[in-house]
Amino acid sequence: MASKKVTAPTLAPTPNGHGPRAERHYQWLPVPNYPGFEVKGWVNASQRIRLDLGSQDLERINAAVLQIIVETKTVYEGQTYDTWFDCDGDPMPKPGEPGFLDAVPTELMMAALRTIRVDGPFVSERSPMGKSAVSASGSA
């Protein structure tokens, strides 16, 4: 039986040259219940981000959201727009722009975070973002 060759992923050295580092993985995903809405998110966010999202500190939560949601777009009738649109058809601010967190409806924000898989490994039920609180050790 012939053996199958396994290729290791490309590794990026640290700035100081001390071996490989974990790279951020970003992915475009459709937002459930919002046809044509897509979000580009940091899908392998760190434990620190999970803890920030699960905190009761609004500044920490907002900072974490802005690290996880990096781009938005809308696809409609074959056209791609580099933003989401509100219920009046006006463009919403883009992630990182002033007003983004205030302009995006809560339901849309939660759907975007869930589709990035933030509600599974990164957010807890009793937190402001959604699922049950899990301690840093992983127990409820």
N, C-alpha and C. Protein backbone atom coordinates (compact mmCIF):
# COMPACT_ATOMS: atom_id res chain seq x y z
N MET A 1 0.84 -1.16 0.00
CA MET A 1 0.00 0.00 0.00
C MET A 1 0.90 1.24 0.00
N ALA A 2 0.63 2.16 -0.89
CA ALA A 2 1.44 3.37 -0.98
C ALA A 2 1.08 4.32 0.15
N SER A 3 2.09 4.94 0.74
CA SER A 3 1.81 5.89 1.82
C SER A 3 1.44 7.24 1.23
N LYS A 4 0.57 7.92 1.93
CA LYS A 4 0.10 9.23 1.48
C LYS A 4 0.99 10.30 2.12
N LYS A 5 1.51 11.21 1.31
CA LYS A 5 2.37 12.27 1.82
C LYS A 5 1.50 13.36 2.45
N VAL A 6 1.85 13.73 3.66
CA VAL A 6 1.14 14.78 4.37
C VAL A 6 2.01 16.03 4.35
N THR A 7 1.41 17.14 3.94
CA THR A 7 2.14 18.40 3.86
C THR A 7 1.74 19.29 5.01
N ALA A 8 2.70 19.80 5.73
CA ALA A 8 2.42 20.71 6.84
C ALA A 8 1.97 22.06 6.29
N PRO A 9 1.10 22.76 7.03
CA PRO A 9 0.68 24.09 6.57
C PRO A 9 1.86 25.06 6.58
N THR A 10 1.74 26.10 5.78
CA THR A 10 2.77 27.13 5.76
C THR A 10 2.79 27.82 7.11
N LEU A 11 3.96 27.98 7.67
CA LEU A 11 4.10 28.61 8.97
C LEU A 11 4.76 29.97 8.82
N ALA A 12 4.28 30.92 9.59
CA ALA A 12 4.87 32.25 9.57
C ALA A 12 5.74 32.41 10.81
N PRO A 13 6.99 32.81 10.64
CA PRO A 13 7.86 32.99 11.82
C PRO A 13 7.41 34.21 12.62
N THR A 14 7.75 34.21 13.88
CA THR A 14 7.46 35.37 14.71
C THR A 14 8.39 36.51 14.29
N PRO A 15 8.03 37.74 14.62
CA PRO A 15 8.89 38.87 14.23
C PRO A 15 10.32 38.72 14.76
N ASN A 16 10.48 38.08 15.90
CA ASN A 16 11.83 37.93 16.46
C ASN A 16 12.51 36.64 15.99
N GLY A 17 11.86 35.90 15.08
CA GLY A 17 12.46 34.72 14.48
C GLY A 17 12.45 33.47 15.35
N HIS A 18 11.66 33.44 16.41
CA HIS A 18 11.64 32.30 17.33
C HIS A 18 10.57 31.28 16.98
N GLY A 19 10.52 30.82 15.76
CA GLY A 19 9.62 29.74 15.40
C GLY A 19 8.27 30.19 14.87
N PRO A 20 7.39 29.22 14.63
CA PRO A 20 6.10 29.53 14.01
C PRO A 20 5.14 30.21 14.99
N ARG A 21 4.17 30.87 14.42
CA ARG A 21 3.13 31.53 15.21
C ARG A 21 1.77 31.15 14.64
N ALA A 22 0.75 31.20 15.45
CA ALA A 22 -0.61 30.93 14.99
C ALA A 22 -1.09 32.15 14.21
N GLU A 23 -1.50 31.94 12.99
CA GLU A 23 -2.00 33.04 12.17
C GLU A 23 -3.49 33.22 12.37
N ARG A 24 -3.97 34.43 12.20
CA ARG A 24 -5.41 34.69 12.25
C ARG A 24 -6.04 34.13 10.98
N HIS A 25 -7.19 33.51 11.14
CA HIS A 25 -7.94 32.99 10.00
C HIS A 25 -9.20 33.83 9.83
N TYR A 26 -9.35 34.41 8.66
CA TYR A 26 -10.53 35.22 8.33
C TYR A 26 -11.33 34.49 7.26
N GLN A 27 -12.65 34.64 7.32
CA GLN A 27 -13.49 33.95 6.35
C GLN A 27 -14.74 34.78 6.07
N TRP A 28 -15.15 34.82 4.79
CA TRP A 28 -16.42 35.43 4.41
C TRP A 28 -17.53 34.42 4.64
N LEU A 29 -18.60 34.84 5.31
CA LEU A 29 -19.72 33.96 5.63
C LEU A 29 -21.04 34.68 5.41
N PRO A 30 -22.07 33.96 4.94
CA PRO A 30 -23.40 34.58 4.83
C PRO A 30 -24.01 34.75 6.22
N VAL A 31 -24.79 35.81 6.40
CA VAL A 31 -25.43 36.08 7.69
C VAL A 31 -26.83 35.46 7.65
N PRO A 32 -27.12 34.50 8.54
CA PRO A 32 -28.43 33.86 8.55
C PRO A 32 -29.57 34.87 8.75
N ASN A 33 -30.68 34.64 8.07
CA ASN A 33 -31.89 35.46 8.14
C ASN A 33 -31.73 36.85 7.53
N TYR A 34 -30.60 37.11 6.89
CA TYR A 34 -30.36 38.38 6.20
C TYR A 34 -29.85 38.07 4.80
N PRO A 35 -30.75 37.74 3.87
CA PRO A 35 -30.33 37.37 2.52
C PRO A 35 -29.46 38.45 1.88
N GLY A 36 -28.35 38.03 1.32
CA GLY A 36 -27.43 38.95 0.64
C GLY A 36 -26.40 39.59 1.56
N PHE A 37 -26.57 39.47 2.86
CA PHE A 37 -25.63 40.05 3.81
C PHE A 37 -24.52 39.04 4.08
N GLU A 38 -23.28 39.51 4.03
CA GLU A 38 -22.11 38.67 4.33
C GLU A 38 -21.20 39.40 5.29
N VAL A 39 -20.45 38.61 6.05
CA VAL A 39 -19.53 39.17 7.03
C VAL A 39 -18.19 38.46 6.90
N LYS A 40 -17.11 39.22 6.98
CA LYS A 40 -15.77 38.63 7.04
C LYS A 40 -15.34 38.69 8.49
N GLY A 41 -15.09 37.51 9.06
CA GLY A 41 -14.78 37.47 10.47
C GLY A 41 -13.53 36.70 10.80
N TRP A 42 -13.01 37.01 11.97
CA TRP A 42 -11.84 36.33 12.53
C TRP A 42 -12.38 35.06 13.17
N VAL A 43 -12.22 33.92 12.50
CA VAL A 43 -12.87 32.68 12.92
C VAL A 43 -12.07 31.87 13.94
N ASN A 44 -10.83 32.23 14.21
CA ASN A 44 -10.05 31.52 15.23
C ASN A 44 -9.61 32.50 16.32
N ALA A 45 -10.56 33.32 16.76
CA ALA A 45 -10.26 34.33 17.78
C ALA A 45 -9.76 33.67 19.06
N SER A 46 -8.99 34.42 19.81
CA SER A 46 -8.31 33.91 21.00
C SER A 46 -9.22 33.80 22.22
N GLN A 47 -8.72 33.14 23.23
CA GLN A 47 -9.41 33.02 24.52
C GLN A 47 -9.66 34.39 25.13
N ARG A 48 -8.72 35.30 24.97
CA ARG A 48 -8.90 36.65 25.50
C ARG A 48 -10.13 37.32 24.89
N ILE A 49 -10.34 37.11 23.58
CA ILE A 49 -11.51 37.68 22.91
C ILE A 49 -12.78 37.06 23.47
N ARG A 50 -12.77 35.74 23.69
CA ARG A 50 -13.93 35.06 24.26
C ARG A 50 -14.28 35.66 25.62
N LEU A 51 -13.26 35.88 26.43
CA LEU A 51 -13.49 36.45 27.75
C LEU A 51 -13.99 37.90 27.65
N ASP A 52 -13.46 38.66 26.71
CA ASP A 52 -13.94 40.03 26.51
C ASP A 52 -15.40 40.06 26.10
N LEU A 53 -15.80 39.18 25.17
CA LEU A 53 -17.20 39.13 24.74
C LEU A 53 -18.12 38.72 25.89
N GLY A 54 -17.64 37.86 26.75
CA GLY A 54 -18.44 37.38 27.86
C GLY A 54 -18.43 38.28 29.08
N SER A 55 -17.67 39.36 29.02
CA SER A 55 -17.57 40.26 30.17
C SER A 55 -18.84 41.12 30.26
N GLN A 56 -18.95 41.85 31.33
CA GLN A 56 -20.05 42.80 31.51
C GLN A 56 -19.59 44.22 31.17
N ASP A 57 -18.36 44.36 30.68
CA ASP A 57 -17.75 45.65 30.38
C ASP A 57 -18.01 46.00 28.91
N LEU A 58 -18.86 46.99 28.68
CA LEU A 58 -19.25 47.35 27.31
C LEU A 58 -18.05 47.73 26.44
N GLU A 59 -17.07 48.41 27.00
CA GLU A 59 -15.88 48.78 26.21
C GLU A 59 -15.12 47.54 25.74
N ARG A 60 -14.98 46.54 26.61
CA ARG A 60 -14.29 45.29 26.23
C ARG A 60 -15.10 44.54 25.18
N ILE A 61 -16.41 44.49 25.35
CA ILE A 61 -17.27 43.79 24.39
C ILE A 61 -17.16 44.46 23.02
N ASN A 62 -17.30 45.79 22.97
CA ASN A 62 -17.23 46.51 21.70
C ASN A 62 -15.88 46.34 21.02
N ALA A 63 -14.81 46.40 21.80
CA ALA A 63 -13.47 46.21 21.22
C ALA A 63 -13.34 44.81 20.63
N ALA A 64 -13.88 43.80 21.32
CA ALA A 64 -13.81 42.43 20.82
C ALA A 64 -14.62 42.28 19.53
N VAL A 65 -15.81 42.85 19.49
CA VAL A 65 -16.65 42.79 18.29
C VAL A 65 -15.91 43.39 17.10
N LEU A 66 -15.25 44.53 17.31
CA LEU A 66 -14.54 45.19 16.22
C LEU A 66 -13.30 44.42 15.77
N GLN A 67 -12.78 43.54 16.61
CA GLN A 67 -11.68 42.68 16.18
C GLN A 67 -12.19 41.47 15.40
N ILE A 68 -13.38 40.99 15.75
CA ILE A 68 -13.93 39.79 15.12
C ILE A 68 -14.58 40.10 13.79
N ILE A 69 -15.39 41.16 13.71
CA ILE A 69 -16.05 41.54 12.46
C ILE A 69 -15.15 42.55 11.77
N VAL A 70 -14.52 42.13 10.66
CA VAL A 70 -13.54 42.99 10.01
C VAL A 70 -14.04 43.64 8.72
N GLU A 71 -15.00 43.02 8.04
CA GLU A 71 -15.57 43.59 6.82
C GLU A 71 -17.00 43.13 6.67
N THR A 72 -17.79 43.92 5.96
CA THR A 72 -19.17 43.54 5.64
C THR A 72 -19.41 43.81 4.17
N LYS A 73 -20.36 43.07 3.60
CA LYS A 73 -20.76 43.35 2.22
C LYS A 73 -22.18 42.85 2.01
N THR A 74 -22.80 43.39 0.98
CA THR A 74 -24.14 42.99 0.56
C THR A 74 -24.07 42.61 -0.90
N VAL A 75 -24.70 41.48 -1.25
CA VAL A 75 -24.77 41.04 -2.64
C VAL A 75 -26.25 41.06 -3.03
N TYR A 76 -26.57 41.82 -4.09
CA TYR A 76 -27.96 41.95 -4.52
C TYR A 76 -28.02 42.04 -6.03
N GLU A 77 -28.80 41.16 -6.63
CA GLU A 77 -28.99 41.10 -8.09
C GLU A 77 -27.66 41.16 -8.83
N GLY A 78 -26.71 40.35 -8.38
CA GLY A 78 -25.42 40.24 -9.05
C GLY A 78 -24.43 41.35 -8.73
N GLN A 79 -24.84 42.33 -7.98
CA GLN A 79 -23.95 43.44 -7.61
C GLN A 79 -23.45 43.22 -6.18
N THR A 80 -22.19 43.54 -5.94
CA THR A 80 -21.61 43.44 -4.61
C THR A 80 -21.31 44.83 -4.10
N TYR A 81 -21.79 45.12 -2.90
CA TYR A 81 -21.57 46.41 -2.24
C TYR A 81 -20.73 46.18 -0.99
N ASP A 82 -19.78 47.04 -0.74
CA ASP A 82 -18.85 46.84 0.38
C ASP A 82 -19.37 47.38 1.70
N THR A 83 -20.67 47.22 1.91
CA THR A 83 -21.31 47.67 3.15
C THR A 83 -22.62 46.92 3.33
N TRP A 84 -23.21 47.07 4.51
CA TRP A 84 -24.58 46.63 4.76
C TRP A 84 -25.47 47.86 4.63
N PHE A 85 -26.77 47.62 4.41
CA PHE A 85 -27.73 48.72 4.28
C PHE A 85 -28.78 48.61 5.37
N ASP A 86 -29.21 49.76 5.90
CA ASP A 86 -30.22 49.76 6.96
C ASP A 86 -31.62 49.61 6.36
N CYS A 87 -32.64 49.66 7.21
CA CYS A 87 -34.01 49.43 6.75
C CYS A 87 -34.52 50.52 5.82
N ASP A 88 -33.85 51.67 5.78
CA ASP A 88 -34.22 52.74 4.85
C ASP A 88 -33.43 52.69 3.56
N GLY A 89 -32.51 51.72 3.45
CA GLY A 89 -31.69 51.60 2.25
C GLY A 89 -30.42 52.42 2.29
N ASP A 90 -30.14 53.03 3.42
CA ASP A 90 -28.92 53.84 3.56
C ASP A 90 -27.76 52.94 3.98
N PRO A 91 -26.55 53.21 3.47
CA PRO A 91 -25.41 52.39 3.88
C PRO A 91 -25.07 52.60 5.35
N MET A 92 -24.76 51.49 6.02
CA MET A 92 -24.31 51.57 7.42
C MET A 92 -22.81 51.82 7.42
N PRO A 93 -22.29 52.40 8.49
CA PRO A 93 -20.84 52.52 8.59
C PRO A 93 -20.18 51.14 8.52
N LYS A 94 -18.96 51.11 8.05
CA LYS A 94 -18.20 49.85 7.94
C LYS A 94 -17.54 49.56 9.29
N PRO A 95 -17.18 48.28 9.53
CA PRO A 95 -16.47 47.96 10.78
C PRO A 95 -15.24 48.85 10.92
N GLY A 96 -15.06 49.39 12.10
CA GLY A 96 -13.92 50.27 12.36
C GLY A 96 -14.24 51.73 12.15
N GLU A 97 -15.32 52.03 11.42
CA GLU A 97 -15.72 53.43 11.22
C GLU A 97 -16.57 53.88 12.40
N PRO A 98 -16.51 55.18 12.70
CA PRO A 98 -17.36 55.69 13.78
C PRO A 98 -18.83 55.38 13.49
N GLY A 99 -19.54 54.93 14.49
CA GLY A 99 -20.96 54.66 14.35
C GLY A 99 -21.33 53.25 13.95
N PHE A 100 -20.36 52.41 13.61
CA PHE A 100 -20.68 51.05 13.17
C PHE A 100 -21.47 50.30 14.24
N LEU A 101 -20.98 50.29 15.47
CA LEU A 101 -21.65 49.53 16.53
C LEU A 101 -23.03 50.09 16.85
N ASP A 102 -23.22 51.38 16.72
CA ASP A 102 -24.52 51.99 16.99
C ASP A 102 -25.51 51.81 15.84
N ALA A 103 -25.01 51.70 14.61
CA ALA A 103 -25.89 51.63 13.45
C ALA A 103 -26.44 50.23 13.17
N VAL A 104 -25.68 49.21 13.50
CA VAL A 104 -26.08 47.84 13.17
C VAL A 104 -27.12 47.35 14.18
N PRO A 105 -28.29 46.91 13.69
CA PRO A 105 -29.30 46.39 14.62
C PRO A 105 -28.76 45.20 15.41
N THR A 106 -29.19 45.09 16.66
CA THR A 106 -28.70 44.04 17.55
C THR A 106 -28.88 42.65 16.94
N GLU A 107 -30.05 42.38 16.36
CA GLU A 107 -30.30 41.06 15.77
C GLU A 107 -29.31 40.75 14.65
N LEU A 108 -29.02 41.73 13.81
CA LEU A 108 -28.05 41.54 12.73
C LEU A 108 -26.65 41.30 13.30
N MET A 109 -26.27 42.07 14.31
CA MET A 109 -24.95 41.91 14.92
C MET A 109 -24.82 40.51 15.53
N MET A 110 -25.86 40.07 16.24
CA MET A 110 -25.83 38.74 16.87
C MET A 110 -25.77 37.65 15.81
N ALA A 111 -26.52 37.80 14.72
CA ALA A 111 -26.49 36.81 13.64
C ALA A 111 -25.11 36.75 13.01
N ALA A 112 -24.48 37.90 12.82
CA ALA A 112 -23.13 37.93 12.25
C ALA A 112 -22.13 37.25 13.17
N LEU A 113 -22.21 37.55 14.46
CA LEU A 113 -21.29 36.92 15.41
C LEU A 113 -21.51 35.41 15.49
N ARG A 114 -22.77 35.00 15.46
CA ARG A 114 -23.04 33.56 15.50
C ARG A 114 -22.51 32.86 14.26
N THR A 115 -22.65 33.46 13.11
CA THR A 115 -22.19 32.81 11.90
C THR A 115 -20.67 32.70 11.86
N ILE A 116 -19.99 33.55 12.57
CA ILE A 116 -18.53 33.46 12.69
C ILE A 116 -18.16 32.40 13.74
N ARG A 117 -19.15 31.82 14.36
CA ARG A 117 -18.99 30.77 15.37
C ARG A 117 -18.57 31.33 16.71
N VAL A 118 -18.88 32.59 16.92
CA VAL A 118 -18.53 33.21 18.18
C VAL A 118 -19.43 32.71 19.29
N ASP A 119 -20.66 32.31 18.99
CA ASP A 119 -21.55 31.87 20.06
C ASP A 119 -21.19 30.49 20.57
N GLY A 120 -20.45 29.70 19.82
CA GLY A 120 -20.04 28.38 20.28
C GLY A 120 -18.86 28.49 21.21
N PRO A 121 -17.65 28.52 20.67
CA PRO A 121 -16.48 28.50 21.52
C PRO A 121 -16.14 29.82 22.19
N PHE A 122 -16.69 30.93 21.76
CA PHE A 122 -16.21 32.21 22.27
C PHE A 122 -17.16 32.98 23.18
N VAL A 123 -18.46 32.68 23.16
CA VAL A 123 -19.41 33.47 23.95
C VAL A 123 -20.22 32.56 24.85
N SER A 124 -20.69 33.09 25.95
CA SER A 124 -21.44 32.29 26.90
C SER A 124 -22.90 32.73 26.97
N GLU A 125 -23.79 31.84 27.44
CA GLU A 125 -25.23 32.10 27.48
C GLU A 125 -25.62 33.25 28.38
N ARG A 126 -24.99 33.39 29.50
CA ARG A 126 -25.37 34.45 30.43
C ARG A 126 -24.68 35.77 30.14
N SER A 127 -23.83 35.80 29.15
CA SER A 127 -23.15 37.05 28.81
C SER A 127 -24.09 37.92 28.00
N PRO A 128 -23.76 39.20 27.82
CA PRO A 128 -24.59 40.08 27.00
C PRO A 128 -24.69 39.60 25.56
N MET A 129 -23.76 38.74 25.10
CA MET A 129 -23.75 38.31 23.72
C MET A 129 -24.55 37.03 23.49
N GLY A 130 -24.91 36.28 24.51
CA GLY A 130 -25.72 35.14 24.22
C GLY A 130 -25.70 33.86 25.01
N LYS A 131 -24.78 32.96 25.03
CA LYS A 131 -24.90 31.62 25.61
C LYS A 131 -24.47 31.55 27.07
N SER A 132 -24.52 30.37 27.71
CA SER A 132 -24.27 30.26 29.15
C SER A 132 -22.82 30.52 29.51
N ALA A 133 -22.64 31.11 30.68
CA ALA A 133 -21.30 31.50 31.12
C ALA A 133 -20.43 30.27 31.34
N VAL A 134 -19.24 30.34 30.82
CA VAL A 134 -18.26 29.27 30.99
C VAL A 134 -17.00 29.93 31.52
N SER A 135 -16.45 29.35 32.57
CA SER A 135 -15.24 29.94 33.16
C SER A 135 -14.05 29.72 32.26
N ALA A 136 -12.96 30.36 32.57
CA ALA A 136 -11.73 30.20 31.78
C ALA A 136 -11.26 28.75 31.78
N SER A 137 -11.63 27.97 32.80
CA SER A 137 -11.22 26.57 32.85
C SER A 137 -12.11 25.69 31.99
N GLY A 138 -13.21 26.27 31.46
CA GLY A 138 -14.10 25.52 30.58
C GLY A 138 -15.29 24.92 31.28
N SER A 139 -15.44 25.09 32.59
CA SER A 139 -16.60 24.53 33.30
C SER A 139 -17.66 25.60 33.46
N ALA A 140 -18.92 25.15 33.55
CA ALA A 140 -20.02 26.09 33.67
C ALA A 140 -20.16 26.61 35.08
